[in-house]
Amino acid sequence: MRVLFTACPMFGHVNPMLPLIDAARDAGHDVVVATGADVVAHLRGRGVTTWTAGPTHREAGGGPGADWLAYFTGVGGVGGA
């Protein structure tokens, strides 16, 4: 079976999935993780196949000065109402 995991590009979102990723791989499944560029090297270092997709940590609201609430809700801040 092919399994695709997706996560925000933050270690606190990716690391909790690592046991599930490892279990799926150990069971013989083809596993890919799609996430932002910030954590791709971390995952590849563990031998996980990755697809770089979506925003970086800063673009997703994790960087200094980023308005994460506006990014996810569209209310106020950058591009918001």
PDB file of N, CA and C in Angstrom:
ATOM      1  N   MET A   1       0.835  -1.163   0.000  1.00  0.00           N
ATOM      2  CA  MET A   1       0.000   0.000   0.000  1.00  0.00           C
ATOM      3  C   MET A   1       0.888   1.238   0.000  1.00  0.00           C
ATOM      4  N   ARG A   2       0.413   2.295  -0.626  1.00  0.00           N
ATOM      5  CA  ARG A   2       1.121   3.580  -0.591  1.00  0.00           C
ATOM      6  C   ARG A   2       0.449   4.478   0.443  1.00  0.00           C
ATOM      7  N   VAL A   3       1.265   5.069   1.306  1.00  0.00           N
ATOM      8  CA  VAL A   3       0.746   5.905   2.389  1.00  0.00           C
ATOM      9  C   VAL A   3       1.385   7.284   2.285  1.00  0.00           C
ATOM     10  N   LEU A   4       0.549   8.319   2.315  1.00  0.00           N
ATOM     11  CA  LEU A   4       1.025   9.696   2.282  1.00  0.00           C
ATOM     12  C   LEU A   4       0.688  10.369   3.602  1.00  0.00           C
ATOM     13  N   PHE A   5       1.712  10.851   4.281  1.00  0.00           N
ATOM     14  CA  PHE A   5       1.536  11.650   5.490  1.00  0.00           C
ATOM     15  C   PHE A   5       1.749  13.108   5.101  1.00  0.00           C
ATOM     16  N   THR A   6       0.981  14.002   5.679  1.00  0.00           N
ATOM     17  CA  THR A   6       1.182  15.432   5.465  1.00  0.00           C
ATOM     18  C   THR A   6       1.245  16.131   6.817  1.00  0.00           C
ATOM     19  N   ALA A   7       2.002  17.219   6.866  1.00  0.00           N
ATOM     20  CA  ALA A   7       2.132  17.954   8.127  1.00  0.00           C
ATOM     21  C   ALA A   7       2.588  19.368   7.855  1.00  0.00           C
ATOM     22  N   CYS A   8       2.235  20.250   8.788  1.00  0.00           N
ATOM     23  CA  CYS A   8       2.812  21.601   8.773  1.00  0.00           C
ATOM     24  C   CYS A   8       4.319  21.441   8.938  1.00  0.00           C
ATOM     25  N   PRO A   9       5.102  22.335   8.360  1.00  0.00           N
ATOM     26  CA  PRO A   9       6.561  22.178   8.403  1.00  0.00           C
ATOM     27  C   PRO A   9       7.164  22.622   9.733  1.00  0.00           C
ATOM     28  N   MET A  10       6.737  21.972  10.787  1.00  0.00           N
ATOM     29  CA  MET A  10       7.230  22.288  12.125  1.00  0.00           C
ATOM     30  C   MET A  10       7.540  20.974  12.839  1.00  0.00           C
ATOM     31  N   PHE A  11       8.630  20.943  13.561  1.00  0.00           N
ATOM     32  CA  PHE A  11       9.051  19.717  14.226  1.00  0.00           C
ATOM     33  C   PHE A  11       7.969  19.190  15.164  1.00  0.00           C
ATOM     34  N   GLY A  12       7.234  20.068  15.814  1.00  0.00           N
ATOM     35  CA  GLY A  12       6.174  19.647  16.724  1.00  0.00           C
ATOM     36  C   GLY A  12       5.003  18.994  16.020  1.00  0.00           C
ATOM     37  N   HIS A  13       4.911  19.156  14.715  1.00  0.00           N
ATOM     38  CA  HIS A  13       3.868  18.506  13.934  1.00  0.00           C
ATOM     39  C   HIS A  13       4.384  17.232  13.281  1.00  0.00           C
ATOM     40  N   VAL A  14       5.649  17.238  12.880  1.00  0.00           N
ATOM     41  CA  VAL A  14       6.236  16.099  12.170  1.00  0.00           C
ATOM     42  C   VAL A  14       6.704  15.009  13.138  1.00  0.00           C
ATOM     43  N   ASN A  15       7.409  15.389  14.187  1.00  0.00           N
ATOM     44  CA  ASN A  15       8.002  14.390  15.083  1.00  0.00           C
ATOM     45  C   ASN A  15       6.986  13.438  15.717  1.00  0.00           C
ATOM     46  N   PRO A  16       5.797  13.896  16.130  1.00  0.00           N
ATOM     47  CA  PRO A  16       4.832  12.947  16.700  1.00  0.00           C
ATOM     48  C   PRO A  16       4.358  11.877  15.704  1.00  0.00           C
ATOM     49  N   MET A  17       4.495  12.159  14.410  1.00  0.00           N
ATOM     50  CA  MET A  17       4.088  11.181  13.403  1.00  0.00           C
ATOM     51  C   MET A  17       5.175  10.155  13.103  1.00  0.00           C
ATOM     52  N   LEU A  18       6.400  10.386  13.558  1.00  0.00           N
ATOM     53  CA  LEU A  18       7.505   9.492  13.220  1.00  0.00           C
ATOM     54  C   LEU A  18       7.258   8.033  13.613  1.00  0.00           C
ATOM     55  N   PRO A  19       6.676   7.737  14.786  1.00  0.00           N
ATOM     56  CA  PRO A  19       6.397   6.323  15.087  1.00  0.00           C
ATOM     57  C   PRO A  19       5.408   5.693  14.094  1.00  0.00           C
ATOM     58  N   LEU A  20       4.424   6.458  13.641  1.00  0.00           N
ATOM     59  CA  LEU A  20       3.474   5.942  12.652  1.00  0.00           C
ATOM     60  C   LEU A  20       4.149   5.733  11.300  1.00  0.00           C
ATOM     61  N   ILE A  21       4.999   6.692  10.928  1.00  0.00           N
ATOM     62  CA  ILE A  21       5.748   6.584   9.675  1.00  0.00           C
ATOM     63  C   ILE A  21       6.643   5.347   9.714  1.00  0.00           C
ATOM     64  N   ASP A  22       7.366   5.175  10.821  1.00  0.00           N
ATOM     65  CA  ASP A  22       8.254   4.020  10.962  1.00  0.00           C
ATOM     66  C   ASP A  22       7.465   2.715  10.939  1.00  0.00           C
ATOM     67  N   ALA A  23       6.324   2.688  11.609  1.00  0.00           N
ATOM     68  CA  ALA A  23       5.516   1.460  11.642  1.00  0.00           C
ATOM     69  C   ALA A  23       5.003   1.105  10.250  1.00  0.00           C
ATOM     70  N   ALA A  24       4.562   2.101   9.507  1.00  0.00           N
ATOM     71  CA  ALA A  24       4.073   1.847   8.146  1.00  0.00           C
ATOM     72  C   ALA A  24       5.206   1.319   7.259  1.00  0.00           C
ATOM     73  N   ARG A  25       6.383   1.927   7.378  1.00  0.00           N
ATOM     74  CA  ARG A  25       7.533   1.456   6.584  1.00  0.00           C
ATOM     75  C   ARG A  25       7.941   0.046   7.001  1.00  0.00           C
ATOM     76  N   ASP A  26       7.963  -0.207   8.320  1.00  0.00           N
ATOM     77  CA  ASP A  26       8.348  -1.525   8.825  1.00  0.00           C
ATOM     78  C   ASP A  26       7.365  -2.605   8.368  1.00  0.00           C
ATOM     79  N   ALA A  27       6.113  -2.203   8.143  1.00  0.00           N
ATOM     80  CA  ALA A  27       5.085  -3.145   7.678  1.00  0.00           C
ATOM     81  C   ALA A  27       5.175  -3.378   6.170  1.00  0.00           C
ATOM     82  N   GLY A  28       6.111  -2.684   5.520  1.00  0.00           N
ATOM     83  CA  GLY A  28       6.332  -2.906   4.101  1.00  0.00           C
ATOM     84  C   GLY A  28       5.599  -1.957   3.168  1.00  0.00           C
ATOM     85  N   HIS A  29       5.000  -0.917   3.725  1.00  0.00           N
ATOM     86  CA  HIS A  29       4.276   0.042   2.888  1.00  0.00           C
ATOM     87  C   HIS A  29       5.237   1.076   2.304  1.00  0.00           C
ATOM     88  N   ASP A  30       4.874   1.620   1.144  1.00  0.00           N
ATOM     89  CA  ASP A  30       5.614   2.730   0.540  1.00  0.00           C
ATOM     90  C   ASP A  30       5.107   4.003   1.199  1.00  0.00           C
ATOM     91  N   VAL A  31       5.987   4.711   1.878  1.00  0.00           N
ATOM     92  CA  VAL A  31       5.597   5.885   2.660  1.00  0.00           C
ATOM     93  C   VAL A  31       6.270   7.127   2.104  1.00  0.00           C
ATOM     94  N   VAL A  32       5.493   8.203   1.982  1.00  0.00           N
ATOM     95  CA  VAL A  32       5.995   9.514   1.592  1.00  0.00           C
ATOM     96  C   VAL A  32       5.420  10.529   2.566  1.00  0.00           C
ATOM     97  N   VAL A  33       6.227  11.518   2.940  1.00  0.00           N
ATOM     98  CA  VAL A  33       5.752  12.613   3.775  1.00  0.00           C
ATOM     99  C   VAL A  33       5.828  13.892   2.955  1.00  0.00           C
ATOM    100  N   ALA A  34       4.698  14.584   2.822  1.00  0.00           N
ATOM    101  CA  ALA A  34       4.649  15.867   2.130  1.00  0.00           C
ATOM    102  C   ALA A  34       4.590  16.968   3.182  1.00  0.00           C
ATOM    103  N   THR A  35       5.568  17.854   3.148  1.00  0.00           N
ATOM    104  CA  THR A  35       5.630  18.941   4.118  1.00  0.00           C
ATOM    105  C   THR A  35       6.503  20.058   3.557  1.00  0.00           C
ATOM    106  N   GLY A  36       6.577  21.158   4.266  1.00  0.00           N
ATOM    107  CA  GLY A  36       7.379  22.295   3.836  1.00  0.00           C
ATOM    108  C   GLY A  36       8.871  22.002   3.901  1.00  0.00           C
ATOM    109  N   ALA A  37       9.618  22.814   3.200  1.00  0.00           N
ATOM    110  CA  ALA A  37      11.057  22.603   3.037  1.00  0.00           C
ATOM    111  C   ALA A  37      11.841  22.603   4.349  1.00  0.00           C
ATOM    112  N   ASP A  38      11.306  23.228   5.377  1.00  0.00           N
ATOM    113  CA  ASP A  38      12.039  23.374   6.634  1.00  0.00           C
ATOM    114  C   ASP A  38      12.403  22.050   7.302  1.00  0.00           C
ATOM    115  N   VAL A  39      11.570  21.033   7.176  1.00  0.00           N
ATOM    116  CA  VAL A  39      11.817  19.774   7.880  1.00  0.00           C
ATOM    117  C   VAL A  39      12.175  18.618   6.952  1.00  0.00           C
ATOM    118  N   VAL A  40      12.306  18.898   5.667  1.00  0.00           N
ATOM    119  CA  VAL A  40      12.619  17.843   4.696  1.00  0.00           C
ATOM    120  C   VAL A  40      13.969  17.191   5.019  1.00  0.00           C
ATOM    121  N   ALA A  41      14.983  17.959   5.308  1.00  0.00           N
ATOM    122  CA  ALA A  41      16.301  17.387   5.615  1.00  0.00           C
ATOM    123  C   ALA A  41      16.242  16.505   6.863  1.00  0.00           C
ATOM    124  N   HIS A  42      15.479  16.920   7.855  1.00  0.00           N
ATOM    125  CA  HIS A  42      15.302  16.143   9.085  1.00  0.00           C
ATOM    126  C   HIS A  42      14.712  14.769   8.760  1.00  0.00           C
ATOM    127  N   LEU A  43      13.684  14.746   7.925  1.00  0.00           N
ATOM    128  CA  LEU A  43      13.035  13.491   7.564  1.00  0.00           C
ATOM    129  C   LEU A  43      13.928  12.628   6.678  1.00  0.00           C
ATOM    130  N   ARG A  44      14.578  13.237   5.715  1.00  0.00           N
ATOM    131  CA  ARG A  44      15.464  12.484   4.823  1.00  0.00           C
ATOM    132  C   ARG A  44      16.625  11.879   5.604  1.00  0.00           C
ATOM    133  N   GLY A  45      17.072  12.581   6.639  1.00  0.00           N
ATOM    134  CA  GLY A  45      18.126  12.050   7.501  1.00  0.00           C
ATOM    135  C   GLY A  45      17.706  10.775   8.212  1.00  0.00           C
ATOM    136  N   ARG A  46      16.407  10.576   8.361  1.00  0.00           N
ATOM    137  CA  ARG A  46      15.858   9.351   8.960  1.00  0.00           C
ATOM    138  C   ARG A  46      15.502   8.319   7.895  1.00  0.00           C
ATOM    139  N   GLY A  47      15.824   8.628   6.629  1.00  0.00           N
ATOM    140  CA  GLY A  47      15.547   7.693   5.555  1.00  0.00           C
ATOM    141  C   GLY A  47      14.130   7.743   5.024  1.00  0.00           C
ATOM    142  N   VAL A  48      13.405   8.811   5.348  1.00  0.00           N
ATOM    143  CA  VAL A  48      12.015   8.959   4.915  1.00  0.00           C
ATOM    144  C   VAL A  48      11.985   9.658   3.561  1.00  0.00           C
ATOM    145  N   THR A  49      11.191   9.129   2.646  1.00  0.00           N
ATOM    146  CA  THR A  49      10.994   9.766   1.352  1.00  0.00           C
ATOM    147  C   THR A  49      10.078  10.964   1.553  1.00  0.00           C
ATOM    148  N   THR A  50      10.443  12.106   0.969  1.00  0.00           N
ATOM    149  CA  THR A  50       9.650  13.322   1.165  1.00  0.00           C
ATOM    150  C   THR A  50       9.272  13.965  -0.159  1.00  0.00           C
ATOM    151  N   TRP A  51       8.202  14.714  -0.109  1.00  0.00           N
ATOM    152  CA  TRP A  51       7.814  15.634  -1.176  1.00  0.00           C
ATOM    153  C   TRP A  51       7.756  17.003  -0.536  1.00  0.00           C
ATOM    154  N   THR A  52       8.482  17.951  -1.075  1.00  0.00           N
ATOM    155  CA  THR A  52       8.426  19.309  -0.566  1.00  0.00           C
ATOM    156  C   THR A  52       7.158  19.959  -1.109  1.00  0.00           C
ATOM    157  N   ALA A  53       6.306  20.372  -0.197  1.00  0.00           N
ATOM    158  CA  ALA A  53       5.019  20.946  -0.583  1.00  0.00           C
ATOM    159  C   ALA A  53       4.573  21.952   0.470  1.00  0.00           C
ATOM    160  N   GLY A  54       3.815  22.917   0.031  1.00  0.00           N
ATOM    161  CA  GLY A  54       3.246  23.874   0.968  1.00  0.00           C
ATOM    162  C   GLY A  54       4.231  24.923   1.440  1.00  0.00           C
ATOM    163  N   PRO A  55       3.804  25.682   2.444  1.00  0.00           N
ATOM    164  CA  PRO A  55       4.607  26.804   2.929  1.00  0.00           C
ATOM    165  C   PRO A  55       5.770  26.349   3.798  1.00  0.00           C
ATOM    166  N   THR A  56       6.713  27.252   3.980  1.00  0.00           N
ATOM    167  CA  THR A  56       7.773  27.037   4.966  1.00  0.00           C
ATOM    168  C   THR A  56       7.195  27.356   6.339  1.00  0.00           C
ATOM    169  N   HIS A  57       7.984  27.112   7.369  1.00  0.00           N
ATOM    170  CA  HIS A  57       7.542  27.415   8.733  1.00  0.00           C
ATOM    171  C   HIS A  57       7.162  28.887   8.870  1.00  0.00           C
ATOM    172  N   ARG A  58       7.992  29.771   8.358  1.00  0.00           N
ATOM    173  CA  ARG A  58       7.699  31.200   8.453  1.00  0.00           C
ATOM    174  C   ARG A  58       6.421  31.564   7.701  1.00  0.00           C
ATOM    175  N   GLU A  59       6.269  31.014   6.508  1.00  0.00           N
ATOM    176  CA  GLU A  59       5.068  31.306   5.717  1.00  0.00           C
ATOM    177  C   GLU A  59       3.806  30.756   6.373  1.00  0.00           C
ATOM    178  N   ALA A  60       3.951  29.685   7.147  1.00  0.00           N
ATOM    179  CA  ALA A  60       2.812  29.079   7.828  1.00  0.00           C
ATOM    180  C   ALA A  60       2.498  29.780   9.146  1.00  0.00           C
ATOM    181  N   GLY A  61       3.263  30.811   9.471  1.00  0.00           N
ATOM    182  CA  GLY A  61       2.962  31.574  10.670  1.00  0.00           C
ATOM    183  C   GLY A  61       3.931  31.376  11.800  1.00  0.00           C
ATOM    184  N   GLY A  62       5.029  30.676  11.572  1.00  0.00           N
ATOM    185  CA  GLY A  62       5.960  30.405  12.654  1.00  0.00           C
ATOM    186  C   GLY A  62       7.110  31.369  12.758  1.00  0.00           C
ATOM    187  N   GLY A  63       7.275  32.227  11.774  1.00  0.00           N
ATOM    188  CA  GLY A  63       8.416  33.128  11.786  1.00  0.00           C
ATOM    189  C   GLY A  63       8.123  34.419  12.521  1.00  0.00           C
ATOM    190  N   PRO A  64       9.161  35.129  12.872  1.00  0.00           N
ATOM    191  CA  PRO A  64       9.000  36.405  13.565  1.00  0.00           C
ATOM    192  C   PRO A  64       8.157  37.378  12.745  1.00  0.00           C
ATOM    193  N   GLY A  65       7.178  37.968  13.370  1.00  0.00           N
ATOM    194  CA  GLY A  65       6.350  38.968  12.710  1.00  0.00           C
ATOM    195  C   GLY A  65       5.256  38.391  11.832  1.00  0.00           C
ATOM    196  N   ALA A  66       5.200  37.085  11.694  1.00  0.00           N
ATOM    197  CA  ALA A  66       4.162  36.487  10.855  1.00  0.00           C
ATOM    198  C   ALA A  66       2.836  36.500  11.604  1.00  0.00           C
ATOM    199  N   ASP A  67       1.773  36.748  10.899  1.00  0.00           N
ATOM    200  CA  ASP A  67       0.445  36.772  11.501  1.00  0.00           C
ATOM    201  C   ASP A  67      -0.220  35.425  11.213  1.00  0.00           C
ATOM    202  N   TRP A  68       0.031  34.442  12.063  1.00  0.00           N
ATOM    203  CA  TRP A  68      -0.438  33.083  11.821  1.00  0.00           C
ATOM    204  C   TRP A  68      -1.954  32.984  11.834  1.00  0.00           C
ATOM    205  N   LEU A  69      -2.623  33.750  12.664  1.00  0.00           N
ATOM    206  CA  LEU A  69      -4.080  33.679  12.714  1.00  0.00           C
ATOM    207  C   LEU A  69      -4.674  34.143  11.391  1.00  0.00           C
ATOM    208  N   ALA A  70      -4.137  35.224  10.839  1.00  0.00           N
ATOM    209  CA  ALA A  70      -4.629  35.720   9.554  1.00  0.00           C
ATOM    210  C   ALA A  70      -4.317  34.733   8.441  1.00  0.00           C
ATOM    211  N   TYR A  71      -3.167  34.098   8.520  1.00  0.00           N
ATOM    212  CA  TYR A  71      -2.796  33.139   7.478  1.00  0.00           C
ATOM    213  C   TYR A  71      -3.811  31.997   7.408  1.00  0.00           C
ATOM    214  N   PHE A  72      -4.177  31.455   8.552  1.00  0.00           N
ATOM    215  CA  PHE A  72      -5.054  30.293   8.569  1.00  0.00           C
ATOM    216  C   PHE A  72      -6.538  30.641   8.492  1.00  0.00           C
ATOM    217  N   THR A  73      -6.928  31.837   8.946  1.00  0.00           N
ATOM    218  CA  THR A  73      -8.355  32.171   8.958  1.00  0.00           C
ATOM    219  C   THR A  73      -8.757  33.156   7.885  1.00  0.00           C
ATOM    220  N   GLY A  74      -7.792  33.923   7.351  1.00  0.00           N
ATOM    221  CA  GLY A  74      -8.114  34.950   6.378  1.00  0.00           C
ATOM    222  C   GLY A  74      -8.720  36.185   7.005  1.00  0.00           C
ATOM    223  N   VAL A  75      -8.685  36.287   8.327  1.00  0.00           N
ATOM    224  CA  VAL A  75      -9.264  37.432   9.037  1.00  0.00           C
ATOM    225  C   VAL A  75      -8.151  38.322   9.558  1.00  0.00           C
ATOM    226  N   GLY A  76      -8.145  39.583   9.121  1.00  0.00           N
ATOM    227  CA  GLY A  76      -7.136  40.532   9.570  1.00  0.00           C
ATOM    228  C   GLY A  76      -5.767  40.237   9.011  1.00  0.00           C
ATOM    229  N   GLY A  77      -4.815  41.070   9.340  1.00  0.00           N
ATOM    230  CA  GLY A  77      -3.419  40.845   8.938  1.00  0.00           C
ATOM    231  C   GLY A  77      -3.232  40.753   7.435  1.00  0.00           C
ATOM    232  N   VAL A  78      -2.242  39.986   7.037  1.00  0.00           N
ATOM    233  CA  VAL A  78      -1.848  39.850   5.639  1.00  0.00           C
ATOM    234  C   VAL A  78      -2.964  39.167   4.849  1.00  0.00           C
ATOM    235  N   GLY A  79      -3.459  39.831   3.844  1.00  0.00           N
ATOM    236  CA  GLY A  79      -4.470  39.248   2.969  1.00  0.00           C
ATOM    237  C   GLY A  79      -5.807  39.028   3.614  1.00  0.00           C
ATOM    238  N   GLY A  80      -5.975  39.485   4.843  1.00  0.00           N
ATOM    239  CA  GLY A  80      -7.231  39.253   5.553  1.00  0.00           C
ATOM    240  C   GLY A  80      -8.246  40.363   5.338  1.00  0.00           C
ATOM    241  N   ALA A  81      -9.424  40.150   5.882  1.00  0.00           N
ATOM    242  CA  ALA A  81     -10.518  41.115   5.761  1.00  0.00           C
ATOM    243  C   ALA A  81     -10.526  42.076   6.902  1.00  0.00           C
TER     244      ALA A  81
END
